[in-house]
Amino acid sequence: MWDGRFVDQDFLIREADGYLDLVQSLSDRFPVQQSTSDRIADKVLECLDKLSPSYRSRPEALLIEGNALRLKQQFTKAIVVLEQSCELEPKNLGVYISLAWCQKRNDQLDDAISTLKQALVVDELEPTIAYNLSCYYSLKQDVTQAVDYIALALVLEPGFRELISDESDFDSVRDNPMFLEAISVIC
């Protein structure tokens, strides 16, 4: 908890964000055990606890906190914090993506879709948003929407084609003729 002493607040935010970058870059290459993720997330939260109240309530600090809670798989808490960050910084697509990710894992799929649709208002040409919407609609078994959004994602970022075969979210639509046609035509 902040004790009122002078501490370089911007440094603490960068330090906390650096810990998150570390675990995210590791997890892209190697499986990271949950206990390791928890320890790193705890370091992030320790850094944030040293922030003054005015810094702690800034959107970037809230995003970092939300992502640390996400890393700890505390999705309900993360959603609350990420919603606050989103309200303060409604043009930050990273907040929408993190928020929707937590909502999905907290069995709030309709909320996750709604969150990503709000992100489309900010940037309708962001391929990650379209790809995730396709995943989420696939989970709802809404083939039409899944096809529409995967088509958009692939037009915007053809490299996403390589992810489709390993994406378990697509299992319910993977063999659907409309889905197969969309991913073969676009690519």
Protein backbone atom coordinates (compact mmCIF):
# COMPACT_ATOMS: atom_id res chain seq x y z
CA MET A 1 0.00 0.00 0.00
CA TRP A 2 1.22 3.50 -0.79
CA ASP A 3 2.92 5.01 2.27
CA GLY A 4 3.13 8.62 1.09
CA ARG A 5 6.86 8.57 0.42
CA PHE A 6 8.19 9.82 -2.90
CA VAL A 7 8.63 7.03 -5.37
CA ASP A 8 9.02 7.45 -9.11
CA GLN A 9 5.46 6.57 -10.06
CA ASP A 10 6.16 6.25 -13.77
CA PHE A 11 9.04 3.88 -13.01
CA LEU A 12 6.75 1.67 -10.93
CA ILE A 13 4.23 1.50 -13.77
CA ARG A 14 6.99 0.59 -16.24
CA GLU A 15 8.38 -2.00 -13.82
CA ALA A 16 4.97 -3.61 -13.33
CA ASP A 17 4.37 -3.63 -17.08
CA GLY A 18 7.83 -5.15 -17.60
CA TYR A 19 6.96 -8.11 -15.39
CA LEU A 20 3.83 -8.71 -17.47
CA ASP A 21 5.84 -8.48 -20.68
CA LEU A 22 8.27 -11.03 -19.28
CA VAL A 23 5.65 -13.67 -18.57
CA GLN A 24 3.79 -13.00 -21.82
CA SER A 25 6.95 -13.30 -23.92
CA LEU A 26 7.90 -16.50 -22.10
CA SER A 27 4.46 -18.03 -22.55
CA ASP A 28 4.62 -17.39 -26.29
CA ARG A 29 7.60 -19.76 -26.51
CA PHE A 30 7.39 -22.03 -23.47
CA PRO A 31 4.60 -23.31 -21.28
CA VAL A 32 4.58 -21.33 -18.06
CA GLN A 33 3.34 -23.06 -14.93
CA GLN A 34 0.50 -21.35 -13.10
CA SER A 35 2.64 -21.03 -9.96
CA THR A 36 5.21 -19.03 -11.95
CA SER A 37 2.51 -16.86 -13.46
CA ASP A 38 1.09 -16.24 -9.98
CA ARG A 39 4.49 -15.19 -8.60
CA ILE A 40 5.07 -12.76 -11.45
CA ALA A 41 1.54 -11.38 -11.16
CA ASP A 42 2.13 -10.88 -7.43
CA LYS A 43 5.27 -8.84 -8.25
CA VAL A 44 3.18 -6.73 -10.61
CA LEU A 45 0.57 -6.12 -7.92
CA GLU A 46 3.31 -5.29 -5.38
CA CYS A 47 4.62 -2.59 -7.72
CA LEU A 48 1.14 -1.19 -8.18
CA ASP A 49 0.52 -1.18 -4.42
CA LYS A 50 3.39 1.32 -4.09
CA LEU A 51 1.61 3.80 -6.36
CA SER A 52 -0.11 6.86 -4.99
CA PRO A 53 -3.91 6.74 -5.23
CA SER A 54 -3.93 9.18 -8.16
CA TYR A 55 -1.52 7.01 -10.15
CA ARG A 56 -3.22 3.78 -9.10
CA SER A 57 -6.47 4.98 -10.64
CA ARG A 58 -4.94 5.84 -14.02
CA PRO A 59 -6.12 3.76 -16.97
CA GLU A 60 -2.66 2.30 -17.71
CA ALA A 61 -2.23 1.19 -14.09
CA LEU A 62 -5.72 -0.31 -14.10
CA LEU A 63 -4.95 -2.19 -17.32
CA ILE A 64 -1.76 -3.58 -15.81
CA GLU A 65 -3.64 -4.58 -12.65
CA GLY A 66 -6.39 -6.21 -14.70
CA ASN A 67 -3.84 -8.17 -16.71
CA ALA A 68 -2.07 -9.29 -13.52
CA LEU A 69 -5.38 -10.52 -12.12
CA ARG A 70 -6.08 -12.22 -15.47
CA LEU A 71 -2.69 -13.91 -15.21
CA LYS A 72 -3.68 -15.16 -11.74
CA GLN A 73 -6.95 -16.42 -13.27
CA GLN A 74 -8.95 -14.11 -11.01
CA PHE A 75 -11.28 -13.21 -13.84
CA THR A 76 -14.12 -11.66 -11.83
CA LYS A 77 -11.73 -9.19 -10.16
CA ALA A 78 -9.95 -8.55 -13.45
CA ILE A 79 -13.24 -7.72 -15.18
CA VAL A 80 -14.08 -5.04 -12.60
CA VAL A 81 -10.66 -3.39 -12.95
CA LEU A 82 -10.58 -3.65 -16.74
CA GLU A 83 -14.05 -2.13 -17.02
CA GLN A 84 -12.76 0.86 -15.02
CA SER A 85 -9.77 1.18 -17.34
CA CYS A 86 -12.05 0.96 -20.37
CA GLU A 87 -14.26 3.76 -19.04
CA LEU A 88 -11.23 6.00 -18.53
CA GLU A 89 -9.53 5.13 -21.81
CA PRO A 90 -12.21 4.00 -24.28
CA LYS A 91 -9.91 4.05 -27.30
CA ASN A 92 -7.40 1.50 -25.96
CA LEU A 93 -8.03 -1.73 -27.87
CA GLY A 94 -5.81 -3.69 -25.50
CA VAL A 95 -8.26 -3.05 -22.68
CA TYR A 96 -11.17 -4.40 -24.73
CA ILE A 97 -9.23 -7.51 -25.72
CA SER A 98 -8.16 -8.25 -22.13
CA LEU A 99 -11.66 -7.57 -20.82
CA ALA A 100 -13.32 -9.83 -23.39
CA TRP A 101 -10.72 -12.55 -22.74
CA CYS A 102 -11.63 -12.51 -19.03
CA GLN A 103 -15.35 -12.39 -19.73
CA LYS A 104 -15.07 -15.45 -21.98
CA ARG A 105 -13.25 -17.40 -19.29
CA ASN A 106 -15.77 -16.26 -16.70
CA ASP A 107 -18.61 -17.79 -18.76
CA GLN A 108 -19.82 -14.38 -19.92
CA LEU A 109 -19.59 -15.04 -23.63
CA ASP A 110 -22.35 -12.58 -24.57
CA ASP A 111 -20.55 -9.86 -22.61
CA ALA A 112 -17.27 -10.74 -24.31
CA ILE A 113 -18.91 -10.36 -27.72
CA SER A 114 -20.47 -7.06 -26.69
CA THR A 115 -17.10 -5.81 -25.47
CA LEU A 116 -15.40 -6.67 -28.75
CA LYS A 117 -18.18 -5.06 -30.74
CA GLN A 118 -17.53 -1.87 -28.76
CA ALA A 119 -13.87 -2.22 -29.76
CA LEU A 120 -14.92 -2.39 -33.42
CA VAL A 121 -16.41 1.07 -33.01
CA VAL A 122 -12.94 2.27 -32.01
CA ASP A 123 -11.17 0.46 -34.87
CA GLU A 124 -13.24 -1.57 -37.31
CA LEU A 125 -10.11 -2.74 -39.11
CA GLU A 126 -8.30 -4.36 -36.18
CA PRO A 127 -7.79 -8.01 -37.20
CA THR A 128 -7.37 -9.32 -33.64
CA ILE A 129 -10.84 -8.05 -32.73
CA ALA A 130 -12.38 -9.72 -35.80
CA TYR A 131 -10.52 -12.98 -35.14
CA ASN A 132 -11.63 -13.10 -31.50
CA LEU A 133 -15.21 -12.30 -32.47
CA SER A 134 -15.09 -15.23 -34.87
CA CYS A 135 -13.82 -17.47 -32.06
CA TYR A 136 -16.53 -16.33 -29.67
CA TYR A 137 -19.32 -16.71 -32.23
CA SER A 138 -17.97 -20.18 -32.98
CA LEU A 139 -18.34 -21.04 -29.31
CA LYS A 140 -21.96 -19.89 -29.55
CA GLN A 141 -22.28 -22.05 -32.70
CA ASP A 142 -23.35 -19.00 -34.70
CA VAL A 143 -21.76 -20.07 -37.96
CA THR A 144 -22.86 -17.04 -39.96
CA GLN A 145 -21.24 -14.56 -37.58
CA ALA A 146 -18.17 -16.79 -37.13
CA VAL A 147 -17.72 -16.89 -40.91
CA ASP A 148 -18.25 -13.16 -41.34
CA TYR A 149 -15.65 -12.30 -38.71
CA ILE A 150 -13.06 -14.89 -39.73
CA ALA A 151 -13.36 -13.62 -43.31
CA LEU A 152 -12.74 -10.06 -42.11
CA ALA A 153 -9.84 -11.14 -39.89
CA LEU A 154 -8.18 -13.02 -42.76
CA VAL A 155 -8.58 -10.15 -45.19
CA LEU A 156 -6.97 -7.82 -42.65
CA GLU A 157 -4.31 -10.28 -41.47
CA PRO A 158 -3.76 -13.37 -43.68
CA GLY A 159 -1.30 -14.73 -41.11
CA PHE A 160 -4.22 -15.63 -38.84
CA ARG A 161 -4.89 -18.49 -41.28
CA GLU A 162 -2.08 -20.43 -39.58
CA LEU A 163 -3.83 -20.22 -36.20
CA ILE A 164 -7.17 -21.68 -37.26
CA SER A 165 -6.21 -25.36 -37.23
CA ASP A 166 -4.97 -25.21 -33.62
CA GLU A 167 -7.73 -22.93 -32.31
CA SER A 168 -10.07 -25.05 -30.18
CA ASP A 169 -12.69 -22.29 -30.23
CA PHE A 170 -13.37 -23.28 -33.85
CA ASP A 171 -14.05 -26.94 -33.08
CA SER A 172 -17.83 -26.56 -33.34
CA VAL A 173 -17.67 -24.92 -36.79
CA ARG A 174 -14.42 -26.31 -38.17
CA ASP A 175 -16.14 -28.83 -40.47
CA ASN A 176 -19.04 -26.58 -41.45
CA PRO A 177 -19.09 -26.08 -45.25
CA MET A 178 -19.65 -22.30 -44.90
CA PHE A 179 -16.65 -21.99 -42.58
CA LEU A 180 -14.45 -24.17 -44.78
CA GLU A 181 -15.40 -22.18 -47.84
CA ALA A 182 -14.70 -18.86 -46.13
CA ILE A 183 -11.24 -19.84 -44.96
CA SER A 184 -10.30 -21.42 -48.30
CA VAL A 185 -11.56 -18.53 -50.42
CA ILE A 186 -10.02 -15.80 -48.33
CA CYS A 187 -6.64 -17.46 -48.14
